[in-house]
Amino acid sequence: MAMKLILADDHPLFLEGLQYVLETFGIEVAGVAQDGREALAKAQLLKPDIILMDIKMPICSGIDALRLIKAEMPEIKIVMLTTSDEDDDLFDAVKYGASGYLLKNANAKDLVNMLSDLEKGEVPLSPGLAARLLEEFGCSNTYNDKISQQTLADVKRGKLTKRQLEVLNMVARGIPYKEAGDALGLTERTVKYHMGRIIELLHLENRAQVIAYAARMGLVEAKKPEI
């Protein structure tokens, strides 16, 4: 898999284990960091495609590092890989431009598949996190700055087609692309194409922001996540 990664975590044993797993699957680990400040320095030096970064790190947290790196190098995709499923962490990660949010209980094969999907433009979210996003952005005044009033006005002017709205509705409810395609009579590739166009037309960055958008527009009913 032709991608270059940086790993950032303050637990050396976890770093070594994750690096070994990724390299076993042929994924280059260009560098490692043990706090957010070091992650920023490594990103500046190595210009990786993706950073897998823990949230709870000393000196400079993963969220703070995310903000700094995306401000300077927005092209780098950052996935928060953490044991924490706390809502504030999830919402902050989405707000500041994270390209995905995965819990550390993911197995190696799933992680590698998610990285492959990320490289293709998809956004990895651990199961259940989509529901949390819907709950937050559907029922709260807290709202992602990336989703502006201009964005909200776009759909009212018919900027999205009926088919795109159908795709948006299903994906925002956490339905996988393949299942959404089967339900709509489309191929998985066509669903991915529609999602790419939706993100482009609505001036968003990733699927997490699309979920927030759909909740804000009332396109998807926000339900309490299952405990």
Protein backbone atom coordinates (compact mmCIF):
# COMPACT_ATOMS: atom_id res chain seq x y z
CA MET A 1 0.00 0.00 0.00
CA ALA A 2 1.73 3.17 -1.21
CA MET A 3 1.28 5.49 1.75
CA LYS A 4 3.68 7.07 4.23
CA LEU A 5 2.62 7.29 7.88
CA ILE A 6 3.67 8.86 11.12
CA LEU A 7 2.57 7.26 14.39
CA ALA A 8 2.11 9.40 17.49
CA ASP A 9 1.48 7.83 20.90
CA ASP A 10 3.08 8.21 24.31
CA HIS A 11 3.26 4.45 24.94
CA PRO A 12 6.46 3.02 23.38
CA LEU A 13 5.25 -0.58 23.47
CA PHE A 14 2.05 0.31 21.61
CA LEU A 15 4.06 2.29 19.05
CA GLU A 16 6.43 -0.61 18.43
CA GLY A 17 3.57 -3.09 18.09
CA LEU A 18 1.56 -0.91 15.73
CA GLN A 19 4.62 -0.14 13.61
CA TYR A 20 5.36 -3.86 13.30
CA VAL A 21 1.77 -4.66 12.29
CA LEU A 22 1.62 -1.92 9.65
CA GLU A 23 4.98 -2.82 8.14
CA THR A 24 3.88 -6.46 8.01
CA PHE A 25 1.12 -5.28 5.68
CA GLY A 26 3.61 -3.29 3.59
CA ILE A 27 2.74 0.16 4.94
CA GLU A 28 5.74 2.43 5.43
CA VAL A 29 6.07 4.01 8.87
CA ALA A 30 8.24 7.05 8.20
CA GLY A 31 8.53 8.14 11.81
CA VAL A 32 7.13 7.99 15.32
CA ALA A 33 6.41 10.62 17.96
CA GLN A 34 5.58 10.43 21.66
CA ASP A 35 3.79 13.76 22.11
CA GLY A 36 1.94 16.30 20.01
CA ARG A 37 4.83 18.70 19.70
CA GLU A 38 7.08 15.96 18.35
CA ALA A 39 4.30 14.89 15.97
CA LEU A 40 4.18 18.42 14.55
CA ALA A 41 7.96 18.50 14.09
CA LYS A 42 7.95 15.08 12.38
CA ALA A 43 5.10 16.15 10.10
CA GLN A 44 7.01 19.28 9.07
CA LEU A 45 10.13 17.23 8.36
CA LEU A 46 8.71 14.09 6.75
CA LYS A 47 5.52 15.34 5.02
CA PRO A 48 3.54 12.10 5.55
CA ASP A 49 0.31 11.16 3.82
CA ILE A 50 -1.36 10.09 7.06
CA ILE A 51 -0.78 10.51 10.79
CA LEU A 52 -2.25 8.05 13.27
CA MET A 53 -2.33 10.00 16.50
CA ASP A 54 -3.41 9.33 20.07
CA ILE A 55 -5.46 12.00 21.83
CA LYS A 56 -4.16 11.71 25.38
CA MET A 57 -0.48 12.68 25.10
CA PRO A 58 1.76 14.81 27.34
CA ILE A 59 3.21 18.27 26.55
CA CYS A 60 0.86 18.78 23.59
CA SER A 61 -2.31 16.72 23.26
CA GLY A 62 -3.40 15.00 20.08
CA ILE A 63 -6.24 17.50 19.61
CA ASP A 64 -3.85 20.47 19.95
CA ALA A 65 -1.41 18.81 17.55
CA LEU A 66 -4.27 18.17 15.12
CA ARG A 67 -5.13 21.88 15.07
CA LEU A 68 -1.52 22.92 14.54
CA ILE A 69 -0.77 20.40 11.82
CA LYS A 70 -3.98 21.02 9.86
CA ALA A 71 -3.45 24.79 10.03
CA GLU A 72 0.01 24.46 8.48
CA MET A 73 -0.36 21.31 6.35
CA PRO A 74 -4.06 20.77 5.60
CA GLU A 75 -3.28 18.11 3.00
CA ILE A 76 -2.10 15.65 5.67
CA LYS A 77 -4.84 13.23 6.75
CA ILE A 78 -4.94 12.73 10.50
CA VAL A 79 -6.75 9.83 12.14
CA MET A 80 -7.27 9.93 15.89
CA LEU A 81 -6.50 6.44 17.20
CA THR A 82 -7.46 6.26 20.85
CA THR A 83 -9.02 4.32 23.69
CA SER A 84 -11.32 7.29 24.37
CA ASP A 85 -14.86 7.38 23.01
CA GLU A 86 -15.77 10.49 24.98
CA ASP A 87 -18.07 12.80 23.06
CA ASP A 88 -15.96 15.92 23.55
CA ASP A 89 -12.94 14.21 22.02
CA LEU A 90 -14.93 13.04 19.02
CA PHE A 91 -16.56 16.40 18.37
CA ASP A 92 -13.30 18.31 18.76
CA ALA A 93 -11.53 15.93 16.38
CA VAL A 94 -14.23 16.44 13.73
CA LYS A 95 -14.33 20.20 14.28
CA TYR A 96 -10.59 20.59 13.82
CA GLY A 97 -10.38 18.53 10.65
CA ALA A 98 -9.58 14.94 11.61
CA SER A 99 -9.98 12.55 8.70
CA GLY A 100 -11.15 9.72 10.95
CA TYR A 101 -11.62 8.58 14.52
CA LEU A 102 -10.83 4.98 15.49
CA LEU A 103 -10.80 3.21 18.81
CA LYS A 104 -7.74 1.15 19.68
CA ASN A 105 -9.78 -2.02 20.02
CA ALA A 106 -9.86 -2.33 16.21
CA ASN A 107 -8.08 -5.42 14.95
CA ALA A 108 -5.09 -5.20 12.61
CA LYS A 109 -6.94 -6.25 9.45
CA ASP A 110 -9.75 -3.76 10.02
CA LEU A 111 -7.24 -0.98 10.67
CA VAL A 112 -5.36 -1.69 7.45
CA ASN A 113 -8.63 -1.83 5.49
CA MET A 114 -9.69 1.49 6.99
CA LEU A 115 -6.38 3.05 6.01
CA SER A 116 -6.88 1.76 2.47
CA ASP A 117 -10.36 3.31 2.42
CA LEU A 118 -8.94 6.57 3.75
CA GLU A 119 -6.43 6.67 0.92
CA LYS A 120 -9.38 6.33 -1.50
CA GLY A 121 -11.10 9.31 0.07
CA GLU A 122 -13.38 7.61 2.59
CA VAL A 123 -13.47 8.50 6.27
CA PRO A 124 -13.02 5.82 8.93
CA LEU A 125 -15.27 6.03 11.98
CA SER A 126 -15.49 3.28 14.57
CA PRO A 127 -18.97 1.69 14.87
CA GLY A 128 -21.41 3.79 16.86
CA LEU A 129 -19.58 7.08 16.41
CA ALA A 130 -21.80 8.16 13.51
CA ALA A 131 -24.77 7.98 15.87
CA ARG A 132 -22.95 10.20 18.37
CA LEU A 133 -22.31 12.78 15.66
CA LEU A 134 -25.96 12.76 14.67
CA GLU A 135 -27.00 13.22 18.29
CA GLU A 136 -24.64 16.16 18.83
CA PHE A 137 -25.22 18.08 15.63
CA GLY A 138 -28.90 17.25 15.35
CA CYS A 139 -29.90 18.29 18.87
CA SER A 140 -27.36 20.91 19.86
CA ASN A 141 -26.57 24.47 18.96
CA THR A 142 -22.91 23.47 18.80
CA TYR A 143 -22.07 23.44 15.13
CA ASN A 144 -19.03 22.82 12.96
CA ASP A 145 -17.62 26.07 11.56
CA LYS A 146 -16.97 24.30 8.25
CA ILE A 147 -20.72 23.96 7.72
CA SER A 148 -21.65 27.53 7.02
CA GLN A 149 -24.97 29.21 6.31
CA GLN A 150 -23.88 29.28 2.67
CA THR A 151 -23.62 25.50 2.77
CA LEU A 152 -27.09 25.21 4.29
CA ALA A 153 -28.50 27.46 1.59
CA ASP A 154 -26.98 25.35 -1.20
CA VAL A 155 -29.41 22.46 -0.80
CA LYS A 156 -32.39 24.84 -0.65
CA ARG A 157 -31.41 26.10 -4.09
CA GLY A 158 -31.37 22.55 -5.39
CA LYS A 159 -27.60 22.26 -5.55
CA LEU A 160 -27.83 18.58 -4.60
CA THR A 161 -29.76 16.22 -6.83
CA LYS A 162 -32.45 13.91 -5.51
CA ARG A 163 -30.08 10.96 -5.90
CA GLN A 164 -27.34 12.76 -3.98
CA LEU A 165 -29.78 13.50 -1.18
CA GLU A 166 -30.72 9.81 -1.03
CA VAL A 167 -27.06 8.84 -0.79
CA LEU A 168 -26.42 11.53 1.79
CA ASN A 169 -29.31 10.31 3.93
CA MET A 170 -28.14 6.70 3.95
CA VAL A 171 -24.46 7.37 4.51
CA ALA A 172 -25.22 9.83 7.31
CA ARG A 173 -27.11 7.07 9.10
CA GLY A 174 -23.95 5.00 9.13
CA ILE A 175 -24.97 2.62 6.33
CA PRO A 176 -21.87 1.23 4.53
CA TYR A 177 -21.42 2.24 0.90
CA LYS A 178 -22.07 -1.26 -0.41
CA GLU A 179 -25.34 -1.64 1.51
CA ALA A 180 -26.42 1.85 0.48
CA GLY A 181 -25.71 0.94 -3.13
CA ASP A 182 -27.72 -2.28 -2.89
CA ALA A 183 -30.68 -0.38 -1.42
CA LEU A 184 -30.54 2.32 -4.09
CA GLY A 185 -29.76 0.07 -7.03
CA LEU A 186 -26.27 1.51 -7.42
CA THR A 187 -22.79 0.05 -7.39
CA GLU A 188 -20.53 0.74 -4.42
CA ARG A 189 -18.28 2.71 -6.75
CA THR A 190 -21.18 4.95 -7.80
CA VAL A 191 -22.11 5.63 -4.17
CA LYS A 192 -18.49 6.65 -3.48
CA TYR A 193 -18.60 8.94 -6.52
CA HIS A 194 -21.79 10.60 -5.27
CA MET A 195 -20.23 11.09 -1.82
CA GLY A 196 -17.21 12.73 -3.37
CA ARG A 197 -19.46 15.12 -5.29
CA ILE A 198 -21.56 15.86 -2.19
CA ILE A 199 -18.45 16.73 -0.17
CA GLU A 200 -17.21 18.94 -2.99
CA LEU A 201 -20.52 20.71 -3.61
CA LEU A 202 -21.15 21.41 0.07
CA HIS A 203 -17.61 22.64 0.71
CA LEU A 204 -17.00 20.00 3.35
CA GLU A 205 -13.92 17.90 4.03
CA ASN A 206 -15.04 14.44 5.08
CA ARG A 207 -17.85 12.08 5.95
CA ALA A 208 -17.99 13.14 9.59
CA GLN A 209 -18.82 16.68 8.51
CA VAL A 210 -21.40 15.29 6.08
CA ILE A 211 -23.11 13.52 8.99
CA ALA A 212 -23.18 16.77 10.94
CA TYR A 213 -24.60 18.56 7.91
CA ALA A 214 -27.33 15.97 7.40
CA ALA A 215 -28.37 16.21 11.04
CA ARG A 216 -28.42 20.00 10.93
CA MET A 217 -30.61 19.98 7.83
CA GLY A 218 -33.02 17.49 9.38
CA LEU A 219 -32.31 14.91 6.67
CA VAL A 220 -31.65 12.22 9.25
CA GLU A 221 -33.41 11.71 12.56
CA ALA A 222 -30.93 12.11 15.40
CA LYS A 223 -31.29 9.20 17.79
CA LYS A 224 -29.69 8.54 21.13
CA PRO A 225 -26.66 6.28 20.61
CA GLU A 226 -27.00 2.81 22.06
CA ILE A 227 -25.04 2.22 25.26
